Protein backbone atom coordinates (compact mmCIF):
# COMPACT_ATOMS: atom_id res chain seq x y z
CA UNK A 1 -68.75 20.21 20.00
CA UNK A 2 -71.84 18.92 18.22
CA UNK A 3 -72.10 15.79 16.08
CA UNK A 4 -72.02 17.65 12.75
CA UNK A 5 -68.80 19.41 13.69
CA UNK A 6 -67.25 16.13 14.81
CA UNK A 7 -68.16 14.42 11.54
CA UNK A 8 -66.80 17.26 9.42
CA UNK A 9 -63.62 17.45 11.51
CA UNK A 10 -63.15 13.69 11.20
CA UNK A 11 -63.67 13.85 7.45
CA UNK A 12 -61.12 16.64 7.05
CA UNK A 13 -58.59 14.83 9.26
CA UNK A 14 -59.08 11.56 7.35
CA UNK A 15 -58.79 13.27 3.98
CA UNK A 16 -55.64 15.07 5.12
CA UNK A 17 -54.02 11.83 6.29
CA UNK A 18 -54.96 10.10 3.04
CA UNK A 19 -53.52 12.90 0.98
CA UNK A 20 -50.32 12.96 3.02
CA UNK A 21 -49.94 9.21 2.61
CA UNK A 22 -50.47 9.56 -1.13
CA UNK A 23 -47.76 12.19 -1.37
CA UNK A 24 -45.30 10.11 0.64
CA UNK A 25 -45.95 6.92 -1.35
CA UNK A 26 -46.04 8.64 -4.74
CA UNK A 27 -43.27 7.91 -7.25
CA UNK A 28 -40.20 10.11 -7.05
CA UNK A 29 -41.26 12.09 -10.10
CA UNK A 30 -41.41 15.72 -9.03
CA UNK A 31 -44.07 16.37 -11.67
CA UNK A 32 -46.33 13.76 -10.06
CA UNK A 33 -45.73 15.26 -6.63
CA UNK A 34 -46.61 18.73 -7.92
CA UNK A 35 -49.82 17.38 -9.45
CA UNK A 36 -50.72 15.67 -6.18
CA UNK A 37 -49.96 18.85 -4.25
CA UNK A 38 -52.13 20.93 -6.61
CA UNK A 39 -55.03 18.48 -6.36
CA UNK A 40 -54.60 18.45 -2.60
CA UNK A 41 -54.88 22.23 -2.43
CA UNK A 42 -57.97 22.16 -4.65
CA UNK A 43 -59.59 19.49 -2.47
CA UNK A 44 -58.76 21.41 0.69
CA UNK A 45 -60.28 24.59 -0.72
CA UNK A 46 -63.47 22.76 -1.72
CA UNK A 47 -63.74 21.11 1.71
CA UNK A 48 -63.18 24.38 3.55
CA UNK A 49 -65.75 26.09 1.32
CA UNK A 50 -68.28 23.33 1.93
CA UNK A 51 -67.67 23.46 5.67
CA UNK A 52 -68.28 27.21 5.64
CA UNK A 53 -71.56 26.71 3.76
CA UNK A 54 -72.71 24.00 6.18
CA UNK A 55 -71.77 26.15 9.16
CA UNK A 56 -73.71 29.14 7.77
CA UNK A 57 -76.80 27.01 7.10
CA UNK A 58 -76.60 25.48 10.59
CA UNK A 59 -76.26 28.89 12.25
CA UNK A 60 -79.16 30.24 10.19
CA UNK A 61 -81.41 27.37 11.36
CA UNK A 62 -80.37 27.84 14.99
CA UNK A 63 -81.11 31.56 14.74
CA UNK A 64 -84.55 30.85 13.25
CA UNK A 65 -85.36 28.42 16.08
CA UNK A 66 -84.20 30.92 18.70
CA UNK A 67 -86.28 33.69 17.16
CA UNK A 68 -89.30 31.42 17.05
CA UNK A 69 -88.83 30.54 20.71
CA UNK A 70 -88.42 34.18 21.69
CA UNK A 71 -91.60 35.11 19.79
CA UNK A 72 -93.49 32.35 21.56
CA UNK A 73 -92.26 33.50 24.96
CA UNK A 74 -93.19 37.12 24.21
CA UNK A 75 -96.62 36.05 23.02
CA UNK A 76 -97.13 33.99 26.18
CA UNK A 77 -96.05 36.94 28.36
CA UNK A 78 -98.53 39.22 26.62
CA UNK A 79 -101.29 36.66 27.00
CA UNK A 80 -100.66 36.21 30.71
CA UNK A 81 -100.62 39.94 31.46
CA UNK A 82 -103.78 41.07 33.21
C-alpha cells in the first residue's frame, strides 16, 4: 500500500469516525439526525468521487512512466543490435 493510499484511507476513516460521533452526540431531534445523515451521504459521495479521480490520475501517470521505460529499453535493444 503506497503513501497516497494510506493518506486517503486515513482521511476517510477519520471523517467517518467524526461523522459517526456527530450523529451520536446530536440532539434527539429526528429532523437534525436526518440532516446530518443526508450531509454525511453527500460528503461520502464527494470523497469517494475524489478518491476515484486521484486513483485514475495516479494510474495514468504510472502507465506513462512504464511506457516511457519500455520505449527506452526497446530503443536501447535496437541500438545494441549488430
